[in-house]
Amino acid sequence: MPGFGRGDDFDSYVLQQIEMREDAISLVGDYAARGETPELQAFAARLPPRLEERLRIARGLTMQR
């Protein structure tokens, strides 16, 4: 990301990304379990591995300091 260095702004960005991904995993999981549209439920059921990988990457950014 051009212009993004290490520091408070970057840390805040990473923490926000982690929180957003955790929320997305929760929301998608809930819809996969209790959604009203079977096609969307099936789609939601396929998303967690991708979202979890993105979460792993975001968490890894906090370890690079």
N, C-alpha and C. Protein backbone atom coordinates (compact mmCIF):
# COMPACT_ATOMS: atom_id res chain seq x y z
N MET A 1 0.84 -1.16 0.00
CA MET A 1 0.00 0.00 0.00
C MET A 1 0.89 1.24 0.00
N PRO A 2 0.95 1.96 -1.09
CA PRO A 2 1.83 3.13 -1.16
C PRO A 2 1.51 4.16 -0.08
N GLY A 3 2.54 4.69 0.53
CA GLY A 3 2.36 5.75 1.51
C GLY A 3 2.02 5.27 2.91
N PHE A 4 1.83 3.98 3.08
CA PHE A 4 1.51 3.45 4.41
C PHE A 4 2.77 2.92 5.04
N GLY A 5 3.22 3.58 6.09
CA GLY A 5 4.39 3.11 6.80
C GLY A 5 3.98 2.45 8.09
N ARG A 6 4.95 2.16 8.89
CA ARG A 6 4.68 1.60 10.20
C ARG A 6 4.40 2.74 11.16
N GLY A 7 3.51 2.54 12.07
CA GLY A 7 3.18 3.57 13.03
C GLY A 7 1.74 3.45 13.46
N ASP A 8 1.28 4.45 14.19
CA ASP A 8 -0.07 4.41 14.74
C ASP A 8 -1.14 4.29 13.67
N ASP A 9 -0.99 5.01 12.55
CA ASP A 9 -1.99 4.94 11.49
C ASP A 9 -2.07 3.53 10.91
N PHE A 10 -0.92 2.94 10.67
CA PHE A 10 -0.89 1.59 10.11
C PHE A 10 -1.48 0.59 11.11
N ASP A 11 -1.09 0.72 12.36
CA ASP A 11 -1.61 -0.18 13.40
C ASP A 11 -3.12 -0.08 13.49
N SER A 12 -3.65 1.13 13.44
CA SER A 12 -5.10 1.33 13.49
C SER A 12 -5.77 0.68 12.29
N TYR A 13 -5.16 0.84 11.13
CA TYR A 13 -5.69 0.24 9.90
C TYR A 13 -5.73 -1.28 10.02
N VAL A 14 -4.65 -1.88 10.49
CA VAL A 14 -4.60 -3.34 10.61
C VAL A 14 -5.63 -3.83 11.62
N LEU A 15 -5.73 -3.18 12.75
CA LEU A 15 -6.71 -3.60 13.76
C LEU A 15 -8.13 -3.48 13.21
N GLN A 16 -8.39 -2.45 12.44
CA GLN A 16 -9.70 -2.29 11.81
C GLN A 16 -9.96 -3.43 10.83
N GLN A 17 -8.96 -3.80 10.05
CA GLN A 17 -9.12 -4.89 9.08
C GLN A 17 -9.39 -6.22 9.79
N ILE A 18 -8.70 -6.45 10.89
CA ILE A 18 -8.92 -7.67 11.67
C ILE A 18 -10.35 -7.71 12.20
N GLU A 19 -10.79 -6.61 12.77
CA GLU A 19 -12.16 -6.56 13.31
C GLU A 19 -13.20 -6.76 12.22
N MET A 20 -12.99 -6.14 11.06
CA MET A 20 -13.93 -6.28 9.96
C MET A 20 -14.01 -7.72 9.47
N ARG A 21 -12.88 -8.38 9.41
CA ARG A 21 -12.87 -9.77 8.95
C ARG A 21 -13.52 -10.70 9.97
N GLU A 22 -13.29 -10.45 11.24
CA GLU A 22 -13.94 -11.25 12.28
C GLU A 22 -15.46 -11.08 12.20
N ASP A 23 -15.90 -9.84 12.01
CA ASP A 23 -17.34 -9.57 11.87
C ASP A 23 -17.91 -10.27 10.64
N ALA A 24 -17.18 -10.21 9.53
CA ALA A 24 -17.65 -10.83 8.29
C ALA A 24 -17.79 -12.34 8.46
N ILE A 25 -16.81 -12.96 9.11
CA ILE A 25 -16.87 -14.41 9.34
C ILE A 25 -18.10 -14.76 10.17
N SER A 26 -18.37 -13.98 11.18
CA SER A 26 -19.53 -14.21 12.04
C SER A 26 -20.84 -14.04 11.26
N LEU A 27 -20.96 -12.96 10.51
CA LEU A 27 -22.18 -12.69 9.75
C LEU A 27 -22.43 -13.75 8.68
N VAL A 28 -21.38 -14.12 7.97
CA VAL A 28 -21.52 -15.12 6.91
C VAL A 28 -21.89 -16.48 7.51
N GLY A 29 -21.27 -16.82 8.63
CA GLY A 29 -21.59 -18.07 9.29
C GLY A 29 -23.03 -18.12 9.76
N ASP A 30 -23.49 -17.00 10.31
CA ASP A 30 -24.89 -16.93 10.74
C ASP A 30 -25.85 -17.10 9.56
N TYR A 31 -25.53 -16.44 8.44
CA TYR A 31 -26.42 -16.56 7.29
C TYR A 31 -26.38 -17.98 6.72
N ALA A 32 -25.21 -18.57 6.69
CA ALA A 32 -25.10 -19.95 6.18
C ALA A 32 -25.95 -20.89 7.02
N ALA A 33 -26.04 -20.64 8.31
CA ALA A 33 -26.81 -21.51 9.21
C ALA A 33 -28.30 -21.20 9.22
N ARG A 34 -28.65 -19.91 9.07
CA ARG A 34 -30.05 -19.53 9.28
C ARG A 34 -30.64 -18.65 8.18
N GLY A 35 -29.96 -18.54 7.07
CA GLY A 35 -30.45 -17.67 6.01
C GLY A 35 -31.75 -18.17 5.39
N GLU A 36 -32.44 -17.27 4.74
CA GLU A 36 -33.75 -17.59 4.18
C GLU A 36 -33.70 -18.06 2.73
N THR A 37 -32.60 -17.77 2.04
CA THR A 37 -32.50 -18.11 0.62
C THR A 37 -31.46 -19.23 0.44
N PRO A 38 -31.89 -20.40 0.02
CA PRO A 38 -30.96 -21.53 -0.08
C PRO A 38 -29.71 -21.26 -0.93
N GLU A 39 -29.88 -20.55 -2.04
CA GLU A 39 -28.73 -20.26 -2.90
C GLU A 39 -27.72 -19.37 -2.18
N LEU A 40 -28.23 -18.38 -1.44
CA LEU A 40 -27.33 -17.50 -0.69
C LEU A 40 -26.71 -18.22 0.50
N GLN A 41 -27.46 -19.12 1.10
CA GLN A 41 -26.91 -19.93 2.19
C GLN A 41 -25.74 -20.76 1.67
N ALA A 42 -25.90 -21.37 0.52
CA ALA A 42 -24.83 -22.18 -0.06
C ALA A 42 -23.61 -21.31 -0.36
N PHE A 43 -23.84 -20.13 -0.91
CA PHE A 43 -22.74 -19.21 -1.18
C PHE A 43 -22.04 -18.82 0.12
N ALA A 44 -22.81 -18.48 1.13
CA ALA A 44 -22.25 -18.08 2.43
C ALA A 44 -21.45 -19.23 3.06
N ALA A 45 -21.88 -20.44 2.84
CA ALA A 45 -21.18 -21.60 3.41
C ALA A 45 -19.81 -21.80 2.77
N ARG A 46 -19.63 -21.30 1.56
CA ARG A 46 -18.33 -21.46 0.87
C ARG A 46 -17.34 -20.35 1.21
N LEU A 47 -17.78 -19.27 1.81
CA LEU A 47 -16.92 -18.11 2.05
C LEU A 47 -15.94 -18.21 3.23
N PRO A 48 -16.28 -18.87 4.32
CA PRO A 48 -15.39 -18.82 5.49
C PRO A 48 -13.92 -19.15 5.23
N PRO A 49 -13.57 -20.14 4.42
CA PRO A 49 -12.13 -20.38 4.22
C PRO A 49 -11.40 -19.17 3.63
N ARG A 50 -12.03 -18.49 2.69
CA ARG A 50 -11.41 -17.29 2.10
C ARG A 50 -11.29 -16.17 3.14
N LEU A 51 -12.36 -15.97 3.89
CA LEU A 51 -12.34 -14.92 4.91
C LEU A 51 -11.34 -15.23 6.01
N GLU A 52 -11.25 -16.49 6.40
CA GLU A 52 -10.29 -16.88 7.43
C GLU A 52 -8.85 -16.69 6.96
N GLU A 53 -8.60 -16.94 5.69
CA GLU A 53 -7.25 -16.71 5.14
C GLU A 53 -6.92 -15.22 5.18
N ARG A 54 -7.87 -14.38 4.81
CA ARG A 54 -7.65 -12.93 4.87
C ARG A 54 -7.41 -12.47 6.31
N LEU A 55 -8.12 -13.07 7.24
CA LEU A 55 -7.94 -12.75 8.65
C LEU A 55 -6.54 -13.17 9.11
N ARG A 56 -6.11 -14.34 8.69
CA ARG A 56 -4.77 -14.82 9.04
C ARG A 56 -3.71 -13.85 8.53
N ILE A 57 -3.88 -13.38 7.31
CA ILE A 57 -2.93 -12.43 6.72
C ILE A 57 -2.93 -11.13 7.51
N ALA A 58 -4.11 -10.62 7.83
CA ALA A 58 -4.20 -9.36 8.59
C ALA A 58 -3.54 -9.51 9.96
N ARG A 59 -3.79 -10.64 10.61
CA ARG A 59 -3.17 -10.85 11.92
C ARG A 59 -1.64 -10.95 11.78
N GLY A 60 -1.20 -11.52 10.67
CA GLY A 60 0.24 -11.62 10.43
C GLY A 60 0.91 -10.26 10.32
N LEU A 61 0.18 -9.27 9.87
CA LEU A 61 0.75 -7.92 9.78
C LEU A 61 1.10 -7.37 11.15
N THR A 62 0.37 -7.80 12.16
CA THR A 62 0.67 -7.31 13.51
C THR A 62 1.92 -7.99 14.06
N MET A 63 2.29 -9.14 13.50
CA MET A 63 3.45 -9.88 13.98
C MET A 63 4.75 -9.41 13.32
N GLN A 64 4.64 -8.59 12.28
CA GLN A 64 5.82 -8.18 11.52
C GLN A 64 6.55 -7.00 12.12
N ARG A 65 6.10 -6.53 13.25
CA ARG A 65 6.71 -5.35 13.86
C ARG A 65 7.94 -5.67 14.64
